């Protein structure tokens, strides 16, 4: 029995050692994909390359219960357009892209699908066109 216990302990130790080096994103898959889409559309995003898990120290991102709840990317010289995939961040409460004058294009109508959005700050961005009617869907929005 002593030999068997030793073998089991060794296997357990090796398993724990192996698991330490595995990187498994714990954040919800939709959130992860939504952030990757944003990264594709926006240049100069902060350090979104280190960890595979956005809730693990990705710059400007805050999470609660492994869901992205806050995206604060103020004054980062971001360039590009806001992806319609922003709607995949379904638990997002704060979206602050203020003072990024090189964010251009139209505000995507899918922003109206962010039903938990409370704070939307786009001051100093260069969006063009009309504000989408779908913004009226955001019943929790209190800061615009």
N, C-alpha and C. Protein backbone atom coordinates (compact mmCIF):
# COMPACT_ATOMS: atom_id res chain seq x y z
N UNK A 1 0.82 -1.20 0.00
CA UNK A 1 0.00 0.00 0.00
C UNK A 1 0.86 1.26 0.00
N UNK A 2 2.03 1.23 0.64
CA UNK A 2 2.91 2.37 0.67
C UNK A 2 3.39 2.77 -0.71
N UNK A 3 3.71 1.78 -1.55
CA UNK A 3 4.16 2.06 -2.91
C UNK A 3 3.06 2.67 -3.76
N UNK A 4 1.85 2.18 -3.56
CA UNK A 4 0.71 2.69 -4.32
C UNK A 4 0.39 4.13 -3.90
N UNK A 5 0.45 4.42 -2.61
CA UNK A 5 0.21 5.77 -2.11
C UNK A 5 1.25 6.73 -2.66
N UNK A 6 2.51 6.29 -2.67
CA UNK A 6 3.58 7.13 -3.21
C UNK A 6 3.38 7.44 -4.69
N UNK A 7 2.94 6.44 -5.44
CA UNK A 7 2.69 6.63 -6.87
C UNK A 7 1.54 7.60 -7.09
N UNK A 8 0.47 7.46 -6.29
CA UNK A 8 -0.67 8.37 -6.40
C UNK A 8 -0.27 9.79 -6.05
N UNK A 9 0.53 9.94 -5.01
CA UNK A 9 0.99 11.28 -4.63
C UNK A 9 1.85 11.90 -5.73
N UNK A 10 2.70 11.10 -6.34
CA UNK A 10 3.54 11.59 -7.43
C UNK A 10 2.68 12.01 -8.62
N UNK A 11 1.69 11.20 -8.97
CA UNK A 11 0.79 11.56 -10.06
C UNK A 11 0.01 12.83 -9.76
N UNK A 12 -0.45 12.97 -8.53
CA UNK A 12 -1.17 14.17 -8.12
C UNK A 12 -0.27 15.39 -8.21
N UNK A 13 0.95 15.26 -7.76
CA UNK A 13 1.91 16.35 -7.83
C UNK A 13 2.18 16.76 -9.28
N UNK A 14 2.36 15.77 -10.15
CA UNK A 14 2.59 16.06 -11.56
C UNK A 14 1.37 16.73 -12.20
N UNK A 15 0.19 16.27 -11.83
CA UNK A 15 -1.04 16.88 -12.34
C UNK A 15 -1.15 18.33 -11.91
N UNK A 16 -0.88 18.60 -10.64
CA UNK A 16 -0.94 19.97 -10.14
C UNK A 16 0.10 20.85 -10.83
N UNK A 17 1.27 20.32 -11.04
CA UNK A 17 2.33 21.06 -11.73
C UNK A 17 1.91 21.37 -13.17
N UNK A 18 1.33 20.41 -13.84
CA UNK A 18 0.87 20.60 -15.21
C UNK A 18 -0.25 21.64 -15.27
N UNK A 19 -1.19 21.57 -14.34
CA UNK A 19 -2.32 22.50 -14.33
C UNK A 19 -1.87 23.93 -14.08
N UNK A 20 -0.77 24.10 -13.37
CA UNK A 20 -0.27 25.44 -13.08
C UNK A 20 0.10 26.17 -14.37
N UNK A 21 0.53 25.44 -15.38
CA UNK A 21 0.97 26.06 -16.61
C UNK A 21 -0.09 26.09 -17.69
N UNK A 22 -1.24 25.50 -17.43
CA UNK A 22 -2.34 25.57 -18.38
C UNK A 22 -3.04 26.91 -18.21
N UNK A 23 -3.35 27.57 -19.30
CA UNK A 23 -4.06 28.83 -19.25
C UNK A 23 -5.43 28.60 -19.86
N UNK A 24 -6.43 28.67 -19.03
CA UNK A 24 -7.79 28.44 -19.48
C UNK A 24 -8.59 29.70 -19.17
N UNK A 25 -9.12 30.37 -20.19
CA UNK A 25 -9.91 31.55 -19.90
C UNK A 25 -11.16 31.16 -19.12
N UNK A 26 -11.38 31.86 -18.04
CA UNK A 26 -12.54 31.58 -17.20
C UNK A 26 -13.70 32.51 -17.52
N UNK A 27 -13.41 33.60 -18.19
CA UNK A 27 -14.43 34.57 -18.54
C UNK A 27 -15.41 33.94 -19.53
N UNK A 28 -16.65 34.38 -19.46
CA UNK A 28 -17.67 33.86 -20.37
C UNK A 28 -17.20 33.97 -21.82
N UNK A 29 -17.48 32.95 -22.60
CA UNK A 29 -17.01 32.87 -23.98
C UNK A 29 -17.48 34.06 -24.83
N UNK A 30 -18.75 34.47 -24.68
CA UNK A 30 -19.25 35.62 -25.44
C UNK A 30 -18.47 36.88 -25.11
N UNK A 31 -18.17 37.08 -23.82
CA UNK A 31 -17.41 38.25 -23.41
C UNK A 31 -16.02 38.22 -24.04
N UNK A 32 -15.39 37.08 -23.99
CA UNK A 32 -14.05 36.93 -24.55
C UNK A 32 -14.06 37.23 -26.05
N UNK A 33 -15.02 36.66 -26.77
CA UNK A 33 -15.11 36.89 -28.22
C UNK A 33 -15.44 38.34 -28.54
N UNK A 34 -16.31 38.95 -27.74
CA UNK A 34 -16.63 40.36 -27.93
C UNK A 34 -15.41 41.25 -27.77
N UNK A 35 -14.59 40.97 -26.78
CA UNK A 35 -13.38 41.75 -26.56
C UNK A 35 -12.37 41.54 -27.68
N UNK A 36 -12.26 40.32 -28.17
CA UNK A 36 -11.35 40.07 -29.29
C UNK A 36 -11.80 40.83 -30.54
N UNK A 37 -13.12 40.91 -30.74
CA UNK A 37 -13.65 41.66 -31.88
C UNK A 37 -13.35 43.15 -31.73
N UNK A 38 -13.49 43.67 -30.51
CA UNK A 38 -13.14 45.07 -30.26
C UNK A 38 -11.66 45.31 -30.55
N UNK A 39 -10.84 44.38 -30.13
CA UNK A 39 -9.40 44.50 -30.34
C UNK A 39 -9.07 44.50 -31.84
N UNK A 40 -9.83 43.73 -32.62
CA UNK A 40 -9.61 43.71 -34.07
C UNK A 40 -9.96 45.05 -34.71
N UNK A 41 -11.00 45.71 -34.20
CA UNK A 41 -11.47 46.97 -34.78
C UNK A 41 -10.74 48.20 -34.25
N UNK A 42 -10.28 48.13 -33.01
CA UNK A 42 -9.61 49.27 -32.38
C UNK A 42 -8.12 49.02 -32.25
N UNK A 43 -7.35 49.97 -32.69
CA UNK A 43 -5.89 49.87 -32.55
C UNK A 43 -5.47 50.59 -31.27
N UNK A 44 -4.36 50.19 -30.72
CA UNK A 44 -3.78 50.76 -29.49
C UNK A 44 -4.51 50.33 -28.23
N UNK A 45 -5.20 49.21 -28.27
CA UNK A 45 -5.82 48.73 -27.03
C UNK A 45 -4.71 48.40 -26.03
N UNK A 46 -5.02 48.54 -24.75
CA UNK A 46 -3.98 48.29 -23.74
C UNK A 46 -3.58 46.81 -23.71
N UNK A 47 -2.74 46.49 -22.78
CA UNK A 47 -2.13 45.16 -22.66
C UNK A 47 -3.16 44.03 -22.61
N UNK A 48 -3.73 43.71 -23.75
CA UNK A 48 -4.71 42.63 -23.84
C UNK A 48 -4.06 41.38 -24.40
N UNK A 49 -2.79 41.18 -24.11
CA UNK A 49 -2.09 40.04 -24.69
C UNK A 49 -1.54 39.08 -23.66
N UNK A 50 -1.36 39.51 -22.43
CA UNK A 50 -0.69 38.66 -21.45
C UNK A 50 -1.45 37.39 -21.12
N UNK A 51 -2.55 37.53 -20.46
CA UNK A 51 -3.33 36.38 -20.01
C UNK A 51 -4.42 36.08 -21.03
N UNK A 52 -4.82 34.83 -21.10
CA UNK A 52 -5.93 34.44 -21.97
C UNK A 52 -7.28 34.77 -21.34
N UNK A 53 -7.27 35.22 -20.10
CA UNK A 53 -8.50 35.53 -19.39
C UNK A 53 -8.63 37.04 -19.21
N UNK A 54 -9.61 37.68 -19.88
CA UNK A 54 -9.77 39.12 -19.76
C UNK A 54 -10.00 39.61 -18.34
N UNK A 55 -10.55 38.77 -17.49
CA UNK A 55 -10.79 39.17 -16.11
C UNK A 55 -9.53 39.09 -15.26
N UNK A 56 -8.43 38.70 -15.88
CA UNK A 56 -7.15 38.58 -15.18
C UNK A 56 -6.20 39.67 -15.64
N UNK A 57 -6.45 40.89 -15.18
CA UNK A 57 -5.55 42.03 -15.40
C UNK A 57 -5.47 42.53 -16.84
N UNK A 58 -6.51 42.39 -17.63
CA UNK A 58 -6.52 43.06 -18.93
C UNK A 58 -6.80 44.53 -18.65
N UNK A 59 -6.00 45.42 -19.21
CA UNK A 59 -6.13 46.85 -18.95
C UNK A 59 -7.50 47.40 -19.30
N UNK A 60 -8.07 48.16 -18.38
CA UNK A 60 -9.34 48.84 -18.62
C UNK A 60 -10.57 47.97 -18.46
N UNK A 61 -10.40 46.72 -18.08
CA UNK A 61 -11.53 45.80 -17.97
C UNK A 61 -11.74 45.40 -16.52
N UNK A 62 -12.99 45.49 -16.10
CA UNK A 62 -13.35 45.00 -14.77
C UNK A 62 -14.43 43.96 -14.93
N UNK A 63 -14.38 42.99 -14.03
CA UNK A 63 -15.32 41.87 -14.11
C UNK A 63 -15.99 41.64 -12.76
N UNK A 64 -17.10 40.96 -12.82
CA UNK A 64 -17.80 40.49 -11.63
C UNK A 64 -18.36 39.12 -11.98
N UNK A 65 -18.06 38.14 -11.15
CA UNK A 65 -18.50 36.76 -11.41
C UNK A 65 -18.12 36.28 -12.81
N UNK A 66 -16.89 36.59 -13.20
CA UNK A 66 -16.31 36.15 -14.48
C UNK A 66 -17.02 36.73 -15.70
N UNK A 67 -17.73 37.83 -15.52
CA UNK A 67 -18.38 38.53 -16.63
C UNK A 67 -17.82 39.94 -16.70
N UNK A 68 -17.59 40.43 -17.90
CA UNK A 68 -17.09 41.78 -18.09
C UNK A 68 -18.21 42.76 -17.77
N UNK A 69 -17.98 43.62 -16.78
CA UNK A 69 -18.99 44.59 -16.37
C UNK A 69 -18.57 46.03 -16.66
N UNK A 70 -17.29 46.25 -16.91
CA UNK A 70 -16.81 47.61 -17.11
C UNK A 70 -15.68 47.62 -18.13
N UNK A 71 -15.78 48.55 -19.07
CA UNK A 71 -14.75 48.75 -20.07
C UNK A 71 -14.43 50.24 -20.06
N UNK A 72 -13.30 50.59 -19.46
CA UNK A 72 -12.89 51.99 -19.31
C UNK A 72 -11.56 52.18 -20.04
N UNK A 73 -11.64 52.81 -21.20
CA UNK A 73 -10.46 53.00 -22.05
C UNK A 73 -10.33 54.47 -22.42
N UNK A 74 -10.30 55.34 -21.42
CA UNK A 74 -10.24 56.77 -21.65
C UNK A 74 -8.84 57.22 -22.06
N UNK A 75 -8.80 58.19 -22.97
CA UNK A 75 -7.56 58.87 -23.38
C UNK A 75 -6.43 57.91 -23.71
N UNK A 76 -6.70 56.91 -24.52
CA UNK A 76 -5.69 55.91 -24.86
C UNK A 76 -5.26 55.99 -26.32
N UNK A 77 -5.70 57.04 -27.01
CA UNK A 77 -5.38 57.20 -28.42
C UNK A 77 -5.83 55.98 -29.25
N UNK A 78 -7.00 55.45 -28.89
CA UNK A 78 -7.56 54.34 -29.65
C UNK A 78 -7.96 54.84 -31.04
N UNK A 79 -7.80 53.98 -32.03
CA UNK A 79 -8.14 54.32 -33.41
C UNK A 79 -8.97 53.20 -34.01
N UNK A 80 -9.99 53.59 -34.78
CA UNK A 80 -10.80 52.59 -35.46
C UNK A 80 -12.27 52.82 -35.20
N UNK A 81 -13.03 51.76 -35.35
CA UNK A 81 -14.48 51.83 -35.15
C UNK A 81 -14.89 50.90 -34.01
N UNK A 82 -16.04 51.20 -33.46
CA UNK A 82 -16.59 50.36 -32.39
C UNK A 82 -17.32 49.19 -33.05
N UNK A 83 -16.88 48.00 -32.77
CA UNK A 83 -17.44 46.79 -33.37
C UNK A 83 -18.88 46.57 -32.92
N UNK A 84 -19.70 46.08 -33.82
CA UNK A 84 -21.08 45.72 -33.46
C UNK A 84 -21.10 44.57 -32.46
N UNK A 85 -19.97 43.85 -32.36
CA UNK A 85 -19.87 42.73 -31.41
C UNK A 85 -19.80 43.21 -29.96
N UNK A 86 -19.81 44.52 -29.75
CA UNK A 86 -19.86 45.06 -28.38
C UNK A 86 -21.06 44.46 -27.65
N UNK A 87 -22.09 44.11 -28.39
CA UNK A 87 -23.31 43.56 -27.78
C UNK A 87 -23.08 42.21 -27.12
N UNK A 88 -21.96 41.55 -27.42
CA UNK A 88 -21.67 40.27 -26.77
C UNK A 88 -21.31 40.46 -25.30
N UNK A 89 -20.99 41.69 -24.92
CA UNK A 89 -20.67 41.97 -23.51
C UNK A 89 -21.98 42.25 -22.77
N UNK A 90 -22.80 41.24 -22.66
CA UNK A 90 -24.18 41.41 -22.19
C UNK A 90 -24.31 41.86 -20.74
N UNK A 91 -23.27 41.73 -19.94
CA UNK A 91 -23.33 42.19 -18.55
C UNK A 91 -22.65 43.55 -18.36
N UNK A 92 -22.25 44.19 -19.46
CA UNK A 92 -21.55 45.46 -19.39
C UNK A 92 -22.42 46.53 -18.75
N UNK A 93 -21.89 47.19 -17.73
CA UNK A 93 -22.59 48.27 -17.04
C UNK A 93 -21.98 49.63 -17.35
N UNK A 94 -20.68 49.66 -17.60
CA UNK A 94 -19.98 50.91 -17.90
C UNK A 94 -19.18 50.75 -19.18
N UNK A 95 -19.41 51.66 -20.11
CA UNK A 95 -18.61 51.74 -21.33
C UNK A 95 -18.10 53.16 -21.44
N UNK A 96 -16.81 53.35 -21.22
CA UNK A 96 -16.21 54.68 -21.25
C UNK A 96 -15.05 54.67 -22.24
N UNK A 97 -15.29 55.28 -23.38
CA UNK A 97 -14.26 55.41 -24.42
C UNK A 97 -13.87 56.87 -24.61
N UNK A 98 -14.15 57.71 -23.63
CA UNK A 98 -13.98 59.15 -23.76
C UNK A 98 -12.56 59.56 -24.12
N UNK A 99 -12.51 60.66 -24.86
CA UNK A 99 -11.26 61.31 -25.27
C UNK A 99 -10.35 60.40 -26.10
N UNK A 100 -10.96 59.67 -26.99
CA UNK A 100 -10.24 58.91 -28.02
C UNK A 100 -10.73 59.45 -29.36
N UNK A 101 -10.14 60.57 -29.78
CA UNK A 101 -10.65 61.30 -30.95
C UNK A 101 -10.57 60.52 -32.25
N UNK A 102 -9.81 59.44 -32.27
CA UNK A 102 -9.67 58.66 -33.50
C UNK A 102 -10.59 57.44 -33.55
N UNK A 103 -11.55 57.37 -32.63
CA UNK A 103 -12.61 56.37 -32.78
C UNK A 103 -13.66 57.03 -33.67
N UNK A 104 -13.88 56.45 -34.83
CA UNK A 104 -14.72 57.08 -35.85
C UNK A 104 -15.82 56.12 -36.29
N UNK A 105 -16.57 56.56 -37.28
CA UNK A 105 -17.65 55.74 -37.82
C UNK A 105 -18.93 55.91 -37.04
N UNK A 106 -19.89 55.11 -37.36
CA UNK A 106 -21.19 55.19 -36.69
C UNK A 106 -21.19 54.36 -35.42
N UNK A 107 -21.93 54.83 -34.46
CA UNK A 107 -22.17 54.05 -33.25
C UNK A 107 -23.04 52.87 -33.67
N UNK A 108 -22.61 51.64 -33.42
CA UNK A 108 -23.38 50.48 -33.90
C UNK A 108 -24.74 50.38 -33.22
N UNK A 109 -25.74 50.01 -33.98
CA UNK A 109 -27.08 49.87 -33.41
C UNK A 109 -27.13 48.77 -32.36
N UNK A 110 -26.20 47.83 -32.43
CA UNK A 110 -26.17 46.73 -31.45
C UNK A 110 -25.88 47.22 -30.04
N UNK A 111 -25.46 48.47 -29.89
CA UNK A 111 -25.23 49.00 -28.55
C UNK A 111 -26.53 48.98 -27.75
N UNK A 112 -27.65 49.01 -28.46
CA UNK A 112 -28.96 48.95 -27.81
C UNK A 112 -29.27 47.60 -27.20
N UNK A 113 -28.42 46.61 -27.42
CA UNK A 113 -28.61 45.29 -26.81
C UNK A 113 -27.91 45.15 -25.47
N UNK A 114 -27.20 46.19 -25.05
CA UNK A 114 -26.49 46.14 -23.76
C UNK A 114 -27.45 46.54 -22.64
N UNK A 115 -28.36 45.65 -22.33
CA UNK A 115 -29.47 45.95 -21.42
C UNK A 115 -29.04 46.30 -20.00
N UNK A 116 -27.82 45.97 -19.61
CA UNK A 116 -27.36 46.29 -18.26
C UNK A 116 -26.53 47.57 -18.21
N UNK A 117 -26.39 48.25 -19.35
CA UNK A 117 -25.56 49.44 -19.41
C UNK A 117 -26.16 50.57 -18.58
N UNK A 118 -25.35 51.11 -17.68
CA UNK A 118 -25.76 52.22 -16.81
C UNK A 118 -25.05 53.50 -17.20
N UNK A 119 -23.77 53.38 -17.57
CA UNK A 119 -22.92 54.53 -17.84
C UNK A 119 -22.32 54.40 -19.23
N UNK A 120 -22.63 55.35 -20.10
CA UNK A 120 -22.08 55.38 -21.45
C UNK A 120 -21.41 56.73 -21.65
N UNK A 121 -20.07 56.73 -21.81
CA UNK A 121 -19.33 57.98 -21.95
C UNK A 121 -18.51 57.92 -23.24
N UNK A 122 -18.92 58.74 -24.21
CA UNK A 122 -18.25 58.79 -25.50
C UNK A 122 -17.76 60.21 -25.82
N UNK A 123 -17.61 61.05 -24.79
CA UNK A 123 -17.15 62.43 -24.97
C UNK A 123 -15.77 62.41 -25.63
N UNK A 124 -15.59 63.26 -26.62
CA UNK A 124 -14.28 63.40 -27.25
C UNK A 124 -13.97 62.35 -28.30
N UNK A 125 -14.93 61.50 -28.62
CA UNK A 125 -14.75 60.54 -29.72
C UNK A 125 -15.27 61.21 -31.00
N UNK A 126 -15.01 60.63 -32.13
CA UNK A 126 -15.40 61.22 -33.41
C UNK A 126 -16.43 60.37 -34.14
N UNK A 127 -17.42 59.89 -33.41
CA UNK A 127 -18.48 59.12 -34.05
C UNK A 127 -19.23 60.04 -35.01
N UNK A 128 -19.75 59.47 -36.08
CA UNK A 128 -20.50 60.25 -37.06
C UNK A 128 -21.87 59.61 -37.24
N UNK A 129 -22.74 60.35 -37.90
CA UNK A 129 -24.08 59.82 -38.15
C UNK A 129 -25.01 60.02 -36.97
N UNK A 130 -26.17 59.42 -37.07
CA UNK A 130 -27.20 59.57 -36.04
C UNK A 130 -26.94 58.63 -34.87
N UNK A 131 -27.49 59.02 -33.74
CA UNK A 131 -27.50 58.11 -32.59
C UNK A 131 -28.53 57.03 -32.91
N UNK A 132 -28.16 55.76 -32.80
CA UNK A 132 -29.11 54.70 -33.16
C UNK A 132 -30.36 54.73 -32.28
N UNK A 133 -31.50 54.49 -32.90
CA UNK A 133 -32.76 54.44 -32.16
C UNK A 133 -32.72 53.40 -31.05
N UNK A 134 -31.93 52.36 -31.25
CA UNK A 134 -31.87 51.27 -30.28
C UNK A 134 -31.34 51.72 -28.92
N UNK A 135 -30.74 52.90 -28.86
CA UNK A 135 -30.24 53.39 -27.58
C UNK A 135 -31.41 53.58 -26.61
N UNK A 136 -32.61 53.73 -27.17
CA UNK A 136 -33.81 53.83 -26.34
C UNK A 136 -34.14 52.54 -25.60
N UNK A 137 -33.53 51.43 -25.99
CA UNK A 137 -33.74 50.15 -25.31
C UNK A 137 -33.02 50.08 -23.97
N UNK A 138 -32.09 51.00 -23.75
CA UNK A 138 -31.22 50.93 -22.56
C UNK A 138 -31.92 51.57 -21.37
N UNK A 139 -32.83 50.83 -20.76
CA UNK A 139 -33.66 51.35 -19.69
C UNK A 139 -32.89 51.62 -18.40
N UNK A 140 -31.74 51.00 -18.23
CA UNK A 140 -30.95 51.22 -17.02
C UNK A 140 -29.95 52.36 -17.18
N UNK A 141 -29.82 52.88 -18.40
CA UNK A 141 -28.85 53.93 -18.68
C UNK A 141 -29.20 55.20 -17.91
N UNK A 142 -28.30 55.63 -17.03
CA UNK A 142 -28.54 56.84 -16.25
C UNK A 142 -27.50 57.92 -16.51
N UNK A 143 -26.35 57.54 -17.05
CA UNK A 143 -25.29 58.51 -17.34
C UNK A 143 -24.94 58.39 -18.81
N UNK A 144 -25.19 59.49 -19.54
CA UNK A 144 -24.90 59.51 -20.97
C UNK A 144 -24.07 60.73 -21.28
